[in-house]
Amino acid sequence: MNNTTSFTLIAPAKLNLFLHINGRHEDGYHELETLFTFLNFGDELTFELIDTPDIFITGDTKGIPLTDNLIYKAALLLKTQSKTRLGVKINLIKRLPMGGGVGGGSSDAATTLLALNKLWKIDRSLDELARLGLQLGADVPVFVRGQSAIAHGIGEELHQVELEQKWYCVVHPNQHVSTATIFTHPDLKRDTPKILGDWKHHTLTNDCEPLVKKLCPEVEKTLQWLLKYAPSKMTGTGSCCFVEFASQVQAQDVLANLPHTWQGFIASSVNISPAHTELAAIFDQ
């Protein structure tokens, strides 16, 4: 029996290597196809078991009210579902930009579900945790499952893929792009045909990119600047943009030349989320 009562996990960034929108349902949700990869970089969450039933969130909470905090919502959801009497203190070190399209909030929520499932000895399956996660956001299940995947449907149908390891330089032009604004905008492209056969043989784009560039010129400027180094892409609904390389040195070169008004980081892709590999190292010894 593992009696670990405190540990720290990375809540990793994700990139959408492509994002196609195939249509829109009557309920407003979109039919889409997207390819998720995880990065070996993200927010840092420390979980400490407490024997009172409270949930405390400390650290870089950015003044977000507790009831709107996805970490708190995830902890409360699992606590309510499991009826555990235990509590937790969670400290957040925020490294991923909000509104950047790298999944920071969803990753934090999923990592919280995974961590507390172990810390509180609840033993829910990944399927159960993913179903819970879907109540918190469409991207939460992919972080719960923690494997590179192509998503279909509204993002809930996940098909695991193995991707070659790459290095990425991810640039945040200090702009916040609202996912809701993009997905409700009348000018969003919503008619990309579904991929038939192997996705590697198709032209892959991000259908949100033309609209985001129009609404947020700084994103277009970032994508243009990155073209000096490699083909540039935007992740999710923005605003983070990225370039892909075979080596760390190439990615580091881009970061070293980044304009001082933008922020960025480099990271390697991983097929298994760091949250999963770290949890396994702690609890499956």
C-alpha atoms as a PDB file:
ATOM      1  CA  MET A   1       0.000   0.000   0.000  1.00  0.00           C
ATOM      2  CA  ASN A   2       1.462   3.357  -1.060  1.00  0.00           C
ATOM      3  CA  ASN A   3       1.057   5.938   1.701  1.00  0.00           C
ATOM      4  CA  THR A   4       2.434   8.970  -0.146  1.00  0.00           C
ATOM      5  CA  THR A   5       0.717  12.090   1.232  1.00  0.00           C
ATOM      6  CA  SER A   6       2.375  14.836  -0.841  1.00  0.00           C
ATOM      7  CA  PHE A   7       3.719  15.032  -4.397  1.00  0.00           C
ATOM      8  CA  THR A   8       4.150  17.383  -7.366  1.00  0.00           C
ATOM      9  CA  LEU A   9       3.055  16.800 -10.977  1.00  0.00           C
ATOM     10  CA  ILE A  10       3.421  18.624 -14.274  1.00  0.00           C
ATOM     11  CA  ALA A  11       0.071  19.562 -15.829  1.00  0.00           C
ATOM     12  CA  PRO A  12       1.360  19.513 -19.411  1.00  0.00           C
ATOM     13  CA  ALA A  13       0.672  21.750 -22.372  1.00  0.00           C
ATOM     14  CA  LYS A  14      -0.958  20.301 -25.460  1.00  0.00           C
ATOM     15  CA  LEU A  15      -0.676  21.363 -29.060  1.00  0.00           C
ATOM     16  CA  ASN A  16      -3.303  20.839 -31.739  1.00  0.00           C
ATOM     17  CA  LEU A  17      -1.183  19.798 -34.713  1.00  0.00           C
ATOM     18  CA  PHE A  18      -4.272  20.334 -36.822  1.00  0.00           C
ATOM     19  CA  LEU A  19      -7.872  21.364 -36.091  1.00  0.00           C
ATOM     20  CA  HIS A  20     -10.604  20.803 -38.671  1.00  0.00           C
ATOM     21  CA  ILE A  21     -14.201  21.862 -38.047  1.00  0.00           C
ATOM     22  CA  ASN A  22     -16.621  19.682 -39.972  1.00  0.00           C
ATOM     23  CA  GLY A  23     -19.962  21.136 -38.927  1.00  0.00           C
ATOM     24  CA  ARG A  24     -22.086  22.472 -36.104  1.00  0.00           C
ATOM     25  CA  HIS A  25     -24.766  20.731 -34.033  1.00  0.00           C
ATOM     26  CA  GLU A  26     -28.076  22.334 -33.117  1.00  0.00           C
ATOM     27  CA  ASP A  27     -26.906  22.583 -29.494  1.00  0.00           C
ATOM     28  CA  GLY A  28     -24.015  24.814 -30.602  1.00  0.00           C
ATOM     29  CA  TYR A  29     -21.267  22.209 -30.224  1.00  0.00           C
ATOM     30  CA  HIS A  30     -18.994  21.671 -33.208  1.00  0.00           C
ATOM     31  CA  GLU A  31     -18.135  18.480 -35.046  1.00  0.00           C
ATOM     32  CA  LEU A  32     -14.360  18.466 -35.316  1.00  0.00           C
ATOM     33  CA  GLU A  33     -11.203  16.482 -35.977  1.00  0.00           C
ATOM     34  CA  THR A  34      -7.969  17.372 -34.236  1.00  0.00           C
ATOM     35  CA  LEU A  35      -4.603  15.829 -33.416  1.00  0.00           C
ATOM     36  CA  PHE A  36      -3.329  16.313 -29.854  1.00  0.00           C
ATOM     37  CA  THR A  37       0.270  15.983 -28.781  1.00  0.00           C
ATOM     38  CA  PHE A  38       1.568  16.587 -25.252  1.00  0.00           C
ATOM     39  CA  LEU A  39       4.629  18.603 -24.323  1.00  0.00           C
ATOM     40  CA  ASN A  40       7.118  17.905 -21.569  1.00  0.00           C
ATOM     41  CA  PHE A  41       6.370  21.325 -20.067  1.00  0.00           C
ATOM     42  CA  GLY A  42       3.460  22.793 -18.178  1.00  0.00           C
ATOM     43  CA  ASP A  43       1.983  24.120 -14.972  1.00  0.00           C
ATOM     44  CA  GLU A  44       3.206  22.580 -11.729  1.00  0.00           C
ATOM     45  CA  LEU A  45       0.714  21.296  -9.161  1.00  0.00           C
ATOM     46  CA  THR A  46       1.619  20.135  -5.655  1.00  0.00           C
ATOM     47  CA  PHE A  47      -0.959  18.016  -3.810  1.00  0.00           C
ATOM     48  CA  GLU A  48      -0.884  17.579  -0.041  1.00  0.00           C
ATOM     49  CA  LEU A  49      -3.327  15.295   1.769  1.00  0.00           C
ATOM     50  CA  ILE A  50      -5.121  16.826   4.757  1.00  0.00           C
ATOM     51  CA  ASP A  51      -7.421  15.045   7.203  1.00  0.00           C
ATOM     52  CA  THR A  52     -10.118  17.705   7.229  1.00  0.00           C
ATOM     53  CA  PRO A  53     -12.638  17.730   4.353  1.00  0.00           C
ATOM     54  CA  ASP A  54     -11.468  21.097   2.988  1.00  0.00           C
ATOM     55  CA  ILE A  55     -10.096  21.928  -0.466  1.00  0.00           C
ATOM     56  CA  PHE A  56      -7.481  24.699  -0.362  1.00  0.00           C
ATOM     57  CA  ILE A  57      -5.996  26.209  -3.541  1.00  0.00           C
ATOM     58  CA  THR A  58      -2.860  28.347  -3.210  1.00  0.00           C
ATOM     59  CA  GLY A  59      -0.273  29.821  -5.560  1.00  0.00           C
ATOM     60  CA  ASP A  60      -0.745  31.489  -8.956  1.00  0.00           C
ATOM     61  CA  THR A  61      -4.541  31.595  -8.999  1.00  0.00           C
ATOM     62  CA  LYS A  62      -4.565  34.981 -10.798  1.00  0.00           C
ATOM     63  CA  GLY A  63      -7.386  36.237  -8.606  1.00  0.00           C
ATOM     64  CA  ILE A  64      -9.885  33.803 -10.168  1.00  0.00           C
ATOM     65  CA  PRO A  65     -12.797  33.207  -7.768  1.00  0.00           C
ATOM     66  CA  LEU A  66     -12.569  29.768  -6.169  1.00  0.00           C
ATOM     67  CA  THR A  67     -15.876  28.623  -7.627  1.00  0.00           C
ATOM     68  CA  ASP A  68     -14.605  29.435 -11.158  1.00  0.00           C
ATOM     69  CA  ASN A  69     -11.218  27.765 -10.634  1.00  0.00           C
ATOM     70  CA  LEU A  70     -11.031  24.547 -12.673  1.00  0.00           C
ATOM     71  CA  ILE A  71      -8.661  22.946 -10.162  1.00  0.00           C
ATOM     72  CA  TYR A  72     -11.162  23.536  -7.367  1.00  0.00           C
ATOM     73  CA  LYS A  73     -14.082  22.415  -9.551  1.00  0.00           C
ATOM     74  CA  ALA A  74     -12.261  19.170 -10.436  1.00  0.00           C
ATOM     75  CA  ALA A  75     -11.407  18.443  -6.790  1.00  0.00           C
ATOM     76  CA  LEU A  76     -14.952  19.209  -5.632  1.00  0.00           C
ATOM     77  CA  LEU A  77     -16.485  17.075  -8.408  1.00  0.00           C
ATOM     78  CA  LEU A  78     -14.370  14.028  -7.488  1.00  0.00           C
ATOM     79  CA  LYS A  79     -14.963  14.595  -3.774  1.00  0.00           C
ATOM     80  CA  THR A  80     -18.739  14.778  -4.288  1.00  0.00           C
ATOM     81  CA  GLN A  81     -18.773  11.698  -6.539  1.00  0.00           C
ATOM     82  CA  SER A  82     -16.609   9.606  -4.207  1.00  0.00           C
ATOM     83  CA  LYS A  83     -18.036  10.898  -0.900  1.00  0.00           C
ATOM     84  CA  THR A  84     -14.533  10.908   0.588  1.00  0.00           C
ATOM     85  CA  ARG A  85     -14.067  12.687   3.932  1.00  0.00           C
ATOM     86  CA  LEU A  86     -10.481  13.564   3.089  1.00  0.00           C
ATOM     87  CA  GLY A  87      -9.332  16.967   1.888  1.00  0.00           C
ATOM     88  CA  VAL A  88      -6.394  18.461   0.014  1.00  0.00           C
ATOM     89  CA  LYS A  89      -4.171  21.476  -0.252  1.00  0.00           C
ATOM     90  CA  ILE A  90      -3.191  22.203  -3.876  1.00  0.00           C
ATOM     91  CA  ASN A  91      -0.503  24.710  -4.840  1.00  0.00           C
ATOM     92  CA  LEU A  92      -0.284  25.948  -8.421  1.00  0.00           C
ATOM     93  CA  ILE A  93       2.790  27.306 -10.181  1.00  0.00           C
ATOM     94  CA  LYS A  94       1.370  28.713 -13.448  1.00  0.00           C
ATOM     95  CA  ARG A  95       3.626  28.455 -16.487  1.00  0.00           C
ATOM     96  CA  LEU A  96       1.102  28.115 -19.308  1.00  0.00           C
ATOM     97  CA  PRO A  97      -0.608  31.273 -20.599  1.00  0.00           C
ATOM     98  CA  MET A  98      -4.361  31.610 -20.132  1.00  0.00           C
ATOM     99  CA  GLY A  99      -6.293  31.935 -23.392  1.00  0.00           C
ATOM    100  CA  GLY A 100      -3.307  30.622 -25.334  1.00  0.00           C
ATOM    101  CA  GLY A 101      -4.767  27.425 -26.763  1.00  0.00           C
ATOM    102  CA  VAL A 102      -2.287  25.145 -24.975  1.00  0.00           C
ATOM    103  CA  GLY A 103      -4.905  23.705 -22.608  1.00  0.00           C
ATOM    104  CA  GLY A 104      -3.620  25.065 -19.293  1.00  0.00           C
ATOM    105  CA  GLY A 105      -6.930  25.090 -17.409  1.00  0.00           C
ATOM    106  CA  SER A 106      -8.078  21.753 -18.839  1.00  0.00           C
ATOM    107  CA  SER A 107      -4.703  20.188 -18.058  1.00  0.00           C
ATOM    108  CA  ASP A 108      -4.817  21.500 -14.474  1.00  0.00           C
ATOM    109  CA  ALA A 109      -8.312  20.034 -14.026  1.00  0.00           C
ATOM    110  CA  ALA A 110      -7.359  16.638 -15.484  1.00  0.00           C
ATOM    111  CA  THR A 111      -4.153  16.448 -13.452  1.00  0.00           C
ATOM    112  CA  THR A 112      -6.188  17.206 -10.324  1.00  0.00           C
ATOM    113  CA  LEU A 113      -8.598  14.346 -11.096  1.00  0.00           C
ATOM    114  CA  LEU A 114      -5.713  11.935 -11.725  1.00  0.00           C
ATOM    115  CA  ALA A 115      -3.796  13.004  -8.619  1.00  0.00           C
ATOM    116  CA  LEU A 116      -6.714  12.964  -6.179  1.00  0.00           C
ATOM    117  CA  ASN A 117      -7.896   9.605  -7.508  1.00  0.00           C
ATOM    118  CA  LYS A 118      -4.569   8.271  -6.151  1.00  0.00           C
ATOM    119  CA  LEU A 119      -4.142  10.520  -3.112  1.00  0.00           C
ATOM    120  CA  TRP A 120      -7.662   9.839  -1.794  1.00  0.00           C
ATOM    121  CA  LYS A 121      -7.417   6.134  -2.843  1.00  0.00           C
ATOM    122  CA  ILE A 122     -10.652   6.353  -4.810  1.00  0.00           C
ATOM    123  CA  ASP A 123      -9.587   3.973  -7.614  1.00  0.00           C
ATOM    124  CA  ARG A 124     -11.835   5.288 -10.381  1.00  0.00           C
ATOM    125  CA  SER A 125     -10.956   4.001 -13.858  1.00  0.00           C
ATOM    126  CA  LEU A 126      -9.617   6.341 -16.548  1.00  0.00           C
ATOM    127  CA  ASP A 127     -12.955   5.973 -18.364  1.00  0.00           C
ATOM    128  CA  GLU A 128     -14.818   7.177 -15.273  1.00  0.00           C
ATOM    129  CA  LEU A 129     -12.395  10.058 -14.725  1.00  0.00           C
ATOM    130  CA  ALA A 130     -12.664  11.074 -18.396  1.00  0.00           C
ATOM    131  CA  ARG A 131     -16.473  11.120 -18.135  1.00  0.00           C
ATOM    132  CA  LEU A 132     -16.215  13.326 -15.058  1.00  0.00           C
ATOM    133  CA  GLY A 133     -13.678  15.520 -16.843  1.00  0.00           C
ATOM    134  CA  LEU A 134     -16.042  16.121 -19.753  1.00  0.00           C
ATOM    135  CA  GLN A 135     -18.317  17.977 -17.294  1.00  0.00           C
ATOM    136  CA  LEU A 136     -15.457  20.443 -16.756  1.00  0.00           C
ATOM    137  CA  GLY A 137     -14.492  21.030 -20.400  1.00  0.00           C
ATOM    138  CA  ALA A 138     -14.260  19.383 -23.818  1.00  0.00           C
ATOM    139  CA  ASP A 139     -10.436  19.098 -23.669  1.00  0.00           C
ATOM    140  CA  VAL A 140     -10.263  17.603 -20.159  1.00  0.00           C
ATOM    141  CA  PRO A 141     -10.739  13.930 -21.240  1.00  0.00           C
ATOM    142  CA  VAL A 142      -7.680  13.929 -23.533  1.00  0.00           C
ATOM    143  CA  PHE A 143      -5.538  15.097 -20.600  1.00  0.00           C
ATOM    144  CA  VAL A 144      -7.123  12.468 -18.335  1.00  0.00           C
ATOM    145  CA  ARG A 145      -6.291   9.708 -20.803  1.00  0.00           C
ATOM    146  CA  GLY A 146      -2.862  11.215 -21.333  1.00  0.00           C
ATOM    147  CA  GLN A 147      -1.947   9.790 -24.740  1.00  0.00           C
ATOM    148  CA  SER A 148      -1.351  11.433 -28.119  1.00  0.00           C
ATOM    149  CA  ALA A 149      -4.653  11.108 -29.918  1.00  0.00           C
ATOM    150  CA  ILE A 150      -6.865  12.143 -32.783  1.00  0.00           C
ATOM    151  CA  ALA A 151     -10.196  13.435 -31.498  1.00  0.00           C
ATOM    152  CA  HIS A 152     -13.488  13.216 -33.384  1.00  0.00           C
ATOM    153  CA  GLY A 153     -17.073  14.173 -32.606  1.00  0.00           C
ATOM    154  CA  ILE A 154     -17.175  17.173 -30.283  1.00  0.00           C
ATOM    155  CA  GLY A 155     -13.729  16.116 -29.112  1.00  0.00           C
ATOM    156  CA  GLU A 156     -14.801  13.228 -26.912  1.00  0.00           C
ATOM    157  CA  GLU A 157     -13.993  10.340 -29.313  1.00  0.00           C
ATOM    158  CA  LEU A 158     -10.266   9.725 -28.864  1.00  0.00           C
ATOM    159  CA  HIS A 159      -8.126   7.407 -30.958  1.00  0.00           C
ATOM    160  CA  GLN A 160      -4.591   6.897 -29.682  1.00  0.00           C
ATOM    161  CA  VAL A 161      -1.714   7.562 -32.098  1.00  0.00           C
ATOM    162  CA  GLU A 162       2.058   7.224 -31.814  1.00  0.00           C
ATOM    163  CA  LEU A 163       3.900  10.344 -32.941  1.00  0.00           C
ATOM    164  CA  GLU A 164       7.579  10.831 -33.598  1.00  0.00           C
ATOM    165  CA  GLN A 165       9.241  12.961 -30.919  1.00  0.00           C
ATOM    166  CA  LYS A 166       9.756  16.571 -32.022  1.00  0.00           C
ATOM    167  CA  TRP A 167      10.943  19.796 -30.441  1.00  0.00           C
ATOM    168  CA  TYR A 168       8.679  22.824 -30.422  1.00  0.00           C
ATOM    169  CA  CYS A 169       9.145  26.506 -29.832  1.00  0.00           C
ATOM    170  CA  VAL A 170       5.813  27.848 -28.596  1.00  0.00           C
ATOM    171  CA  VAL A 171       5.262  31.609 -28.685  1.00  0.00           C
ATOM    172  CA  HIS A 172       2.580  33.535 -26.794  1.00  0.00           C
ATOM    173  CA  PRO A 173       2.116  37.070 -28.190  1.00  0.00           C
ATOM    174  CA  ASN A 174       0.572  38.243 -24.892  1.00  0.00           C
ATOM    175  CA  GLN A 175      -2.941  38.163 -26.331  1.00  0.00           C
ATOM    176  CA  HIS A 176      -5.918  36.373 -24.762  1.00  0.00           C
ATOM    177  CA  VAL A 177      -8.229  34.726 -27.293  1.00  0.00           C
ATOM    178  CA  SER A 178     -11.637  33.616 -26.026  1.00  0.00           C
ATOM    179  CA  THR A 179     -12.587  30.118 -27.186  1.00  0.00           C
ATOM    180  CA  ALA A 180     -16.277  31.042 -26.888  1.00  0.00           C
ATOM    181  CA  THR A 181     -15.788  34.096 -29.110  1.00  0.00           C
ATOM    182  CA  ILE A 182     -14.154  32.011 -31.849  1.00  0.00           C
ATOM    183  CA  PHE A 183     -16.622  29.109 -31.758  1.00  0.00           C
ATOM    184  CA  THR A 184     -19.688  31.383 -31.823  1.00  0.00           C
ATOM    185  CA  HIS A 185     -18.363  33.749 -34.520  1.00  0.00           C
ATOM    186  CA  PRO A 186     -20.343  33.723 -37.796  1.00  0.00           C
ATOM    187  CA  ASP A 187     -17.136  33.875 -39.880  1.00  0.00           C
ATOM    188  CA  LEU A 188     -15.630  30.652 -38.468  1.00  0.00           C
ATOM    189  CA  LYS A 189     -15.030  28.043 -41.203  1.00  0.00           C
ATOM    190  CA  ARG A 190     -17.241  25.064 -40.358  1.00  0.00           C
ATOM    191  CA  ASP A 191     -17.330  22.935 -43.524  1.00  0.00           C
ATOM    192  CA  THR A 192     -14.008  21.099 -43.796  1.00  0.00           C
ATOM    193  CA  PRO A 193     -14.641  17.565 -45.148  1.00  0.00           C
ATOM    194  CA  LYS A 194     -13.846  14.727 -42.760  1.00  0.00           C
ATOM    195  CA  ILE A 195     -10.548  12.948 -43.264  1.00  0.00           C
ATOM    196  CA  LEU A 196     -10.848   9.649 -45.107  1.00  0.00           C
ATOM    197  CA  GLY A 197      -8.038   7.163 -44.602  1.00  0.00           C
ATOM    198  CA  ASP A 198      -4.651   8.041 -43.134  1.00  0.00           C
ATOM    199  CA  TRP A 199      -4.508  11.635 -41.819  1.00  0.00           C
ATOM    200  CA  LYS A 200      -0.812  11.850 -42.769  1.00  0.00           C
ATOM    201  CA  HIS A 201      -1.778  11.971 -46.454  1.00  0.00           C
ATOM    202  CA  HIS A 202      -3.997  15.040 -46.081  1.00  0.00           C
ATOM    203  CA  THR A 203      -3.417  18.783 -46.064  1.00  0.00           C
ATOM    204  CA  LEU A 204      -3.723  19.669 -42.390  1.00  0.00           C
ATOM    205  CA  THR A 205      -4.710  23.129 -41.186  1.00  0.00           C
ATOM    206  CA  ASN A 206      -6.238  24.937 -38.233  1.00  0.00           C
ATOM    207  CA  ASP A 207      -9.687  26.167 -39.283  1.00  0.00           C
ATOM    208  CA  CYS A 208      -9.690  28.743 -36.469  1.00  0.00           C
ATOM    209  CA  GLU A 209      -6.510  30.430 -37.675  1.00  0.00           C
ATOM    210  CA  PRO A 210      -7.904  32.764 -40.415  1.00  0.00           C
ATOM    211  CA  LEU A 211     -10.546  34.154 -38.039  1.00  0.00           C
ATOM    212  CA  VAL A 212      -8.123  34.579 -35.117  1.00  0.00           C
ATOM    213  CA  LYS A 213      -5.639  36.392 -37.380  1.00  0.00           C
ATOM    214  CA  LYS A 214      -8.420  38.768 -38.451  1.00  0.00           C
ATOM    215  CA  LEU A 215      -9.586  39.438 -34.882  1.00  0.00           C
ATOM    216  CA  CYS A 216      -6.111  39.503 -33.349  1.00  0.00           C
ATOM    217  CA  PRO A 217      -3.441  40.988 -35.680  1.00  0.00           C
ATOM    218  CA  GLU A 218      -0.675  40.176 -33.167  1.00  0.00           C
ATOM    219  CA  VAL A 219      -1.272  36.470 -33.819  1.00  0.00           C
ATOM    220  CA  GLU A 220      -0.810  37.029 -37.557  1.00  0.00           C
ATOM    221  CA  LYS A 221       2.376  38.967 -36.823  1.00  0.00           C
ATOM    222  CA  THR A 222       3.653  36.067 -34.695  1.00  0.00           C
ATOM    223  CA  LEU A 223       2.912  33.482 -37.376  1.00  0.00           C
ATOM    224  CA  GLN A 224       4.687  35.644 -39.987  1.00  0.00           C
ATOM    225  CA  TRP A 225       7.734  36.135 -37.764  1.00  0.00           C
ATOM    226  CA  LEU A 226       8.037  32.396 -37.082  1.00  0.00           C
ATOM    227  CA  LEU A 227       8.040  31.647 -40.826  1.00  0.00           C
ATOM    228  CA  LYS A 228      11.689  32.741 -40.885  1.00  0.00           C
ATOM    229  CA  TYR A 229      12.479  29.502 -39.064  1.00  0.00           C
ATOM    230  CA  ALA A 230       9.905  26.897 -40.133  1.00  0.00           C
ATOM    231  CA  PRO A 231       6.267  26.504 -41.201  1.00  0.00           C
ATOM    232  CA  SER A 232       4.264  28.129 -38.392  1.00  0.00           C
ATOM    233  CA  LYS A 233       0.943  27.028 -36.927  1.00  0.00           C
ATOM    234  CA  MET A 234      -1.515  28.191 -34.306  1.00  0.00           C
ATOM    235  CA  THR A 235      -2.756  25.798 -31.612  1.00  0.00           C
ATOM    236  CA  GLY A 236      -6.416  25.414 -30.676  1.00  0.00           C
ATOM    237  CA  THR A 237      -8.344  28.673 -30.856  1.00  0.00           C
ATOM    238  CA  GLY A 238      -5.112  30.606 -30.221  1.00  0.00           C
ATOM    239  CA  SER A 239      -3.278  32.718 -29.349  1.00  0.00           C
ATOM    240  CA  CYS A 240      -0.143  30.561 -29.013  1.00  0.00           C
ATOM    241  CA  CYS A 241       1.749  29.804 -32.217  1.00  0.00           C
ATOM    242  CA  PHE A 242       4.454  27.214 -32.754  1.00  0.00           C
ATOM    243  CA  VAL A 243       7.135  25.803 -35.015  1.00  0.00           C
ATOM    244  CA  GLU A 244       8.357  22.200 -35.093  1.00  0.00           C
ATOM    245  CA  PHE A 245      11.943  20.933 -35.273  1.00  0.00           C
ATOM    246  CA  ALA A 246      13.889  17.694 -35.083  1.00  0.00           C
ATOM    247  CA  SER A 247      16.356  19.067 -32.510  1.00  0.00           C
ATOM    248  CA  GLN A 248      16.385  21.092 -29.300  1.00  0.00           C
ATOM    249  CA  VAL A 249      19.111  23.384 -30.679  1.00  0.00           C
ATOM    250  CA  GLN A 250      16.883  24.595 -33.542  1.00  0.00           C
ATOM    251  CA  ALA A 251      13.998  25.341 -31.172  1.00  0.00           C
ATOM    252  CA  GLN A 252      16.344  27.130 -28.764  1.00  0.00           C
ATOM    253  CA  ASP A 253      17.588  29.356 -31.587  1.00  0.00           C
ATOM    254  CA  VAL A 254      14.050  30.657 -32.215  1.00  0.00           C
ATOM    255  CA  LEU A 255      13.486  31.317 -28.507  1.00  0.00           C
ATOM    256  CA  ALA A 256      16.778  33.197 -28.222  1.00  0.00           C
ATOM    257  CA  ASN A 257      15.681  35.645 -30.937  1.00  0.00           C
ATOM    258  CA  LEU A 258      12.128  36.163 -29.706  1.00  0.00           C
ATOM    259  CA  PRO A 259      10.950  39.805 -29.635  1.00  0.00           C
ATOM    260  CA  HIS A 260      10.871  41.026 -26.029  1.00  0.00           C
ATOM    261  CA  THR A 261       7.127  41.821 -26.226  1.00  0.00           C
ATOM    262  CA  TRP A 262       6.304  38.111 -26.575  1.00  0.00           C
ATOM    263  CA  GLN A 263       6.839  35.138 -24.295  1.00  0.00           C
ATOM    264  CA  GLY A 264       7.801  31.634 -25.257  1.00  0.00           C
ATOM    265  CA  PHE A 265       9.138  28.256 -24.232  1.00  0.00           C
ATOM    266  CA  ILE A 266      10.646  25.201 -25.849  1.00  0.00           C
ATOM    267  CA  ALA A 267       9.656  21.626 -25.098  1.00  0.00           C
ATOM    268  CA  SER A 268       9.784  18.160 -26.583  1.00  0.00           C
ATOM    269  CA  SER A 269       6.656  16.246 -27.472  1.00  0.00           C
ATOM    270  CA  VAL A 270       5.798  13.068 -25.560  1.00  0.00           C
ATOM    271  CA  ASN A 271       3.288  10.352 -26.426  1.00  0.00           C
ATOM    272  CA  ILE A 272       2.425   9.808 -22.751  1.00  0.00           C
ATOM    273  CA  SER A 273       1.536  12.815 -20.595  1.00  0.00           C
ATOM    274  CA  PRO A 274       4.151  13.690 -17.931  1.00  0.00           C
ATOM    275  CA  ALA A 275       1.342  13.673 -15.344  1.00  0.00           C
ATOM    276  CA  HIS A 276       0.847   9.958 -16.078  1.00  0.00           C
ATOM    277  CA  THR A 277       4.518   9.018 -16.085  1.00  0.00           C
ATOM    278  CA  GLU A 278       5.156  10.936 -12.849  1.00  0.00           C
ATOM    279  CA  LEU A 279       2.120   9.399 -11.110  1.00  0.00           C
ATOM    280  CA  ALA A 280       3.236   5.931 -12.177  1.00  0.00           C
ATOM    281  CA  ALA A 281       6.720   6.595 -10.760  1.00  0.00           C
ATOM    282  CA  ILE A 282       5.231   7.645  -7.406  1.00  0.00           C
ATOM    283  CA  PHE A 283       2.445   5.094  -6.944  1.00  0.00           C
ATOM    284  CA  ASP A 284       3.440   2.043  -9.000  1.00  0.00           C
ATOM    285  CA  GLN A 285       6.819   1.447  -7.381  1.00  0.00           C
END
